[in-house]
N, C-alpha and C. Protein backbone atom coordinates (compact mmCIF):
# COMPACT_ATOMS: atom_id res chain seq x y z
N MET A 1 58.18 79.13 75.11
CA MET A 1 56.79 78.77 75.17
C MET A 1 55.99 79.86 74.46
N THR A 2 55.04 79.41 73.69
CA THR A 2 54.24 80.35 72.92
C THR A 2 52.86 80.51 73.55
N ALA A 3 52.13 81.49 73.07
CA ALA A 3 50.76 81.71 73.55
C ALA A 3 49.89 80.50 73.21
N GLU A 4 50.15 79.88 72.05
CA GLU A 4 49.38 78.70 71.65
C GLU A 4 49.64 77.54 72.61
N ASP A 5 50.87 77.44 73.10
CA ASP A 5 51.20 76.37 74.04
C ASP A 5 50.33 76.45 75.29
N LYS A 6 50.06 77.65 75.73
CA LYS A 6 49.28 77.84 76.95
C LYS A 6 47.82 77.41 76.79
N LEU A 7 47.38 77.27 75.54
CA LEU A 7 46.00 76.87 75.27
C LEU A 7 45.85 75.37 75.06
N LEU A 8 46.95 74.63 75.08
CA LEU A 8 46.89 73.19 74.84
C LEU A 8 46.19 72.47 75.99
N THR A 9 45.40 71.49 75.64
CA THR A 9 44.71 70.68 76.64
C THR A 9 45.64 69.59 77.16
N CYS A 10 45.24 68.97 78.23
CA CYS A 10 46.05 67.89 78.80
C CYS A 10 46.28 66.75 77.80
N PRO A 11 45.25 66.29 77.08
CA PRO A 11 45.49 65.23 76.09
C PRO A 11 46.45 65.68 74.97
N GLU A 12 46.34 66.94 74.56
CA GLU A 12 47.26 67.45 73.54
C GLU A 12 48.69 67.50 74.06
N LEU A 13 48.85 67.91 75.31
CA LEU A 13 50.18 67.94 75.91
C LEU A 13 50.76 66.53 76.03
N SER A 14 49.91 65.60 76.41
CA SER A 14 50.35 64.22 76.53
C SER A 14 50.81 63.67 75.18
N SER A 15 50.06 63.98 74.14
CA SER A 15 50.41 63.54 72.79
C SER A 15 51.74 64.16 72.35
N GLN A 16 51.91 65.44 72.60
CA GLN A 16 53.16 66.10 72.26
C GLN A 16 54.33 65.53 73.05
N GLU A 17 54.09 65.22 74.31
CA GLU A 17 55.14 64.64 75.13
C GLU A 17 55.61 63.31 74.53
N GLN A 18 54.65 62.49 74.12
CA GLN A 18 54.98 61.19 73.52
C GLN A 18 55.79 61.38 72.24
N GLN A 19 55.39 62.33 71.41
CA GLN A 19 56.11 62.60 70.15
C GLN A 19 57.53 63.06 70.43
N VAL A 20 57.69 63.93 71.40
CA VAL A 20 59.02 64.44 71.74
C VAL A 20 59.89 63.31 72.28
N ARG A 21 59.33 62.47 73.13
CA ARG A 21 60.10 61.35 73.69
C ARG A 21 60.54 60.38 72.59
N GLU A 22 59.67 60.13 71.62
CA GLU A 22 60.02 59.25 70.51
C GLU A 22 61.14 59.86 69.67
N ALA A 23 61.07 61.15 69.40
CA ALA A 23 62.12 61.83 68.64
C ALA A 23 63.44 61.82 69.41
N MET A 24 63.36 61.97 70.73
CA MET A 24 64.56 61.91 71.55
C MET A 24 65.21 60.53 71.47
N ASP A 25 64.37 59.49 71.50
CA ASP A 25 64.88 58.12 71.39
C ASP A 25 65.63 57.91 70.08
N VAL A 26 65.10 58.46 68.99
CA VAL A 26 65.75 58.33 67.68
C VAL A 26 67.12 59.00 67.70
N ASN A 27 67.18 60.21 68.24
CA ASN A 27 68.45 60.95 68.28
C ASN A 27 69.46 60.27 69.21
N GLU A 28 68.99 59.76 70.35
CA GLU A 28 69.88 59.07 71.27
C GLU A 28 70.42 57.79 70.65
N ALA A 29 69.60 57.09 69.89
CA ALA A 29 70.05 55.86 69.22
C ALA A 29 71.11 56.18 68.17
N LEU A 30 70.93 57.28 67.45
CA LEU A 30 71.92 57.69 66.46
C LEU A 30 73.26 57.98 67.12
N ILE A 31 73.22 58.71 68.20
CA ILE A 31 74.44 59.06 68.93
C ILE A 31 75.09 57.81 69.50
N GLU A 32 74.30 56.95 70.12
CA GLU A 32 74.80 55.71 70.71
C GLU A 32 75.38 54.79 69.64
N GLY A 33 74.75 54.75 68.48
CA GLY A 33 75.21 53.89 67.39
C GLY A 33 76.60 54.25 66.90
N ASP A 34 76.94 55.51 66.94
CA ASP A 34 78.27 55.95 66.49
C ASP A 34 79.31 55.88 67.59
N ARG A 35 78.90 55.65 68.82
CA ARG A 35 79.84 55.66 69.94
C ARG A 35 80.92 54.59 69.80
N THR A 36 80.53 53.35 69.48
CA THR A 36 81.51 52.27 69.34
C THR A 36 82.47 52.56 68.20
N LYS A 37 81.94 53.03 67.08
CA LYS A 37 82.79 53.36 65.94
C LYS A 37 83.79 54.45 66.33
N ASN A 38 83.35 55.42 67.07
CA ASN A 38 84.24 56.50 67.51
C ASN A 38 85.29 55.99 68.48
N GLN A 39 84.91 55.07 69.35
CA GLN A 39 85.88 54.52 70.29
C GLN A 39 86.95 53.72 69.56
N VAL A 40 86.56 52.95 68.58
CA VAL A 40 87.53 52.18 67.78
C VAL A 40 88.45 53.13 67.02
N ALA A 41 87.89 54.17 66.42
CA ALA A 41 88.71 55.14 65.69
C ALA A 41 89.68 55.83 66.63
N GLY A 42 89.23 56.16 67.83
CA GLY A 42 90.12 56.80 68.80
C GLY A 42 91.23 55.87 69.25
N TYR A 43 90.92 54.59 69.39
CA TYR A 43 91.92 53.60 69.79
C TYR A 43 93.02 53.50 68.73
N PHE A 44 92.63 53.37 67.46
CA PHE A 44 93.62 53.26 66.40
C PHE A 44 94.38 54.57 66.21
N ALA A 45 93.70 55.67 66.38
CA ALA A 45 94.36 56.98 66.21
C ALA A 45 95.44 57.17 67.26
N SER A 46 95.24 56.63 68.44
CA SER A 46 96.25 56.80 69.49
C SER A 46 97.53 56.05 69.16
N PHE A 47 97.43 54.99 68.37
CA PHE A 47 98.62 54.23 67.98
C PHE A 47 99.23 54.72 66.68
N LEU A 48 98.38 55.15 65.77
CA LEU A 48 98.86 55.50 64.43
C LEU A 48 99.07 56.99 64.24
N LEU A 49 98.59 57.78 65.17
CA LEU A 49 98.75 59.24 65.14
C LEU A 49 98.23 59.88 63.85
N PHE A 50 97.06 59.47 63.38
CA PHE A 50 96.45 60.13 62.24
C PHE A 50 95.19 60.85 62.71
N PRO A 51 94.74 61.83 61.93
CA PRO A 51 93.55 62.59 62.35
C PRO A 51 92.34 61.68 62.48
N LEU A 52 91.46 62.06 63.35
CA LEU A 52 90.25 61.27 63.60
C LEU A 52 89.19 61.58 62.55
N VAL A 53 89.47 61.19 61.33
CA VAL A 53 88.55 61.45 60.23
C VAL A 53 87.29 60.60 60.36
N ALA A 54 87.42 59.41 60.93
CA ALA A 54 86.30 58.48 61.01
C ALA A 54 85.33 58.81 62.14
N VAL A 55 85.67 59.76 62.97
CA VAL A 55 84.83 60.07 64.13
C VAL A 55 83.60 60.87 63.71
N GLU A 56 82.44 60.41 64.19
CA GLU A 56 81.18 61.12 63.95
C GLU A 56 80.83 61.92 65.21
N ASN A 57 80.72 63.22 65.07
CA ASN A 57 80.39 64.06 66.22
C ASN A 57 78.90 64.13 66.48
N ASN A 58 78.09 63.79 65.48
CA ASN A 58 76.63 63.84 65.63
C ASN A 58 76.15 65.20 66.13
N THR A 59 76.75 66.26 65.63
CA THR A 59 76.41 67.60 66.08
C THR A 59 74.93 67.90 65.89
N ASP A 60 74.39 67.55 64.72
CA ASP A 60 72.96 67.83 64.47
C ASP A 60 72.08 67.06 65.43
N ALA A 61 72.40 65.79 65.67
CA ALA A 61 71.59 64.97 66.57
C ALA A 61 71.68 65.51 67.99
N LYS A 62 72.86 65.96 68.40
CA LYS A 62 73.02 66.49 69.76
C LYS A 62 72.27 67.81 69.92
N GLU A 63 72.33 68.67 68.89
CA GLU A 63 71.60 69.94 68.96
C GLU A 63 70.09 69.69 68.96
N ASN A 64 69.66 68.74 68.14
CA ASN A 64 68.24 68.41 68.10
C ASN A 64 67.79 67.84 69.44
N LEU A 65 68.62 67.00 70.04
CA LEU A 65 68.30 66.43 71.34
C LEU A 65 68.17 67.52 72.40
N PHE A 66 69.05 68.54 72.32
CA PHE A 66 68.98 69.67 73.25
C PHE A 66 67.66 70.42 73.09
N ARG A 67 67.26 70.68 71.83
CA ARG A 67 65.99 71.38 71.57
C ARG A 67 64.80 70.54 72.05
N LEU A 68 64.87 69.24 71.80
CA LEU A 68 63.79 68.36 72.23
C LEU A 68 63.68 68.32 73.75
N GLN A 69 64.81 68.32 74.43
CA GLN A 69 64.77 68.31 75.90
C GLN A 69 64.16 69.60 76.43
N ASN A 70 64.49 70.72 75.79
CA ASN A 70 63.88 71.99 76.19
C ASN A 70 62.37 71.96 75.97
N ARG A 71 61.94 71.39 74.85
CA ARG A 71 60.51 71.29 74.57
C ARG A 71 59.83 70.38 75.59
N LEU A 72 60.48 69.28 75.92
CA LEU A 72 59.92 68.37 76.92
C LEU A 72 59.77 69.09 78.26
N ASP A 73 60.75 69.88 78.63
CA ASP A 73 60.66 70.66 79.87
C ASP A 73 59.45 71.61 79.84
N GLN A 74 59.23 72.26 78.69
CA GLN A 74 58.09 73.16 78.56
C GLN A 74 56.77 72.40 78.69
N ILE A 75 56.70 71.25 78.04
CA ILE A 75 55.47 70.45 78.10
C ILE A 75 55.20 70.00 79.53
N GLN A 76 56.22 69.55 80.21
CA GLN A 76 56.04 69.10 81.59
C GLN A 76 55.64 70.25 82.51
N TYR A 77 56.19 71.42 82.27
CA TYR A 77 55.78 72.60 83.05
C TYR A 77 54.30 72.88 82.82
N LEU A 78 53.88 72.85 81.55
CA LEU A 78 52.47 73.12 81.23
C LEU A 78 51.56 72.06 81.83
N GLN A 79 52.01 70.81 81.83
CA GLN A 79 51.21 69.75 82.43
C GLN A 79 51.01 70.00 83.93
N LYS A 80 52.05 70.44 84.60
CA LYS A 80 51.92 70.76 86.02
C LYS A 80 51.04 71.98 86.23
N PHE A 81 51.24 73.00 85.38
CA PHE A 81 50.47 74.23 85.50
C PHE A 81 48.98 73.96 85.30
N ASN A 82 48.66 73.05 84.36
CA ASN A 82 47.27 72.72 84.07
C ASN A 82 46.74 71.60 84.95
N ALA A 83 47.55 71.14 85.87
CA ALA A 83 47.19 70.05 86.77
C ALA A 83 46.75 68.79 86.02
N CYS A 84 47.49 68.49 84.95
CA CYS A 84 47.21 67.29 84.17
C CYS A 84 47.66 66.07 84.97
N THR A 85 46.89 65.02 84.84
CA THR A 85 47.27 63.77 85.47
C THR A 85 47.84 62.85 84.41
N THR A 86 48.79 62.03 84.80
CA THR A 86 49.36 61.07 83.88
C THR A 86 48.84 59.69 84.22
N VAL A 87 48.61 58.91 83.20
CA VAL A 87 48.08 57.56 83.41
C VAL A 87 49.13 56.56 83.06
C-alpha cells in the first residue's frame, strides 16, 4: 500500500475494486480455458508416455491473479478503514 492509496476516496476505491475484479475475471477465464486442454493432454500422456508439451501452465496469468488478489485485499482494507459503504 502506498501513501497515495491512503488518500483515495470511497468512490475511487470502488472504481479500482471494479477494475481489479474485471482483470481477475479475465485471468481466471484464461486459466479455466486451458484446463480442459490440459486434462486431455494429461490423459493422452498417461497412455503414450510422452512429455506434456501441450500443457499450458498459465504462469503469467496465475502470477497476475496473485497480484490482483493482493491489490483487492488492500482496496478492501482501505474501504473498511475509510468506512466506505457498498451499494
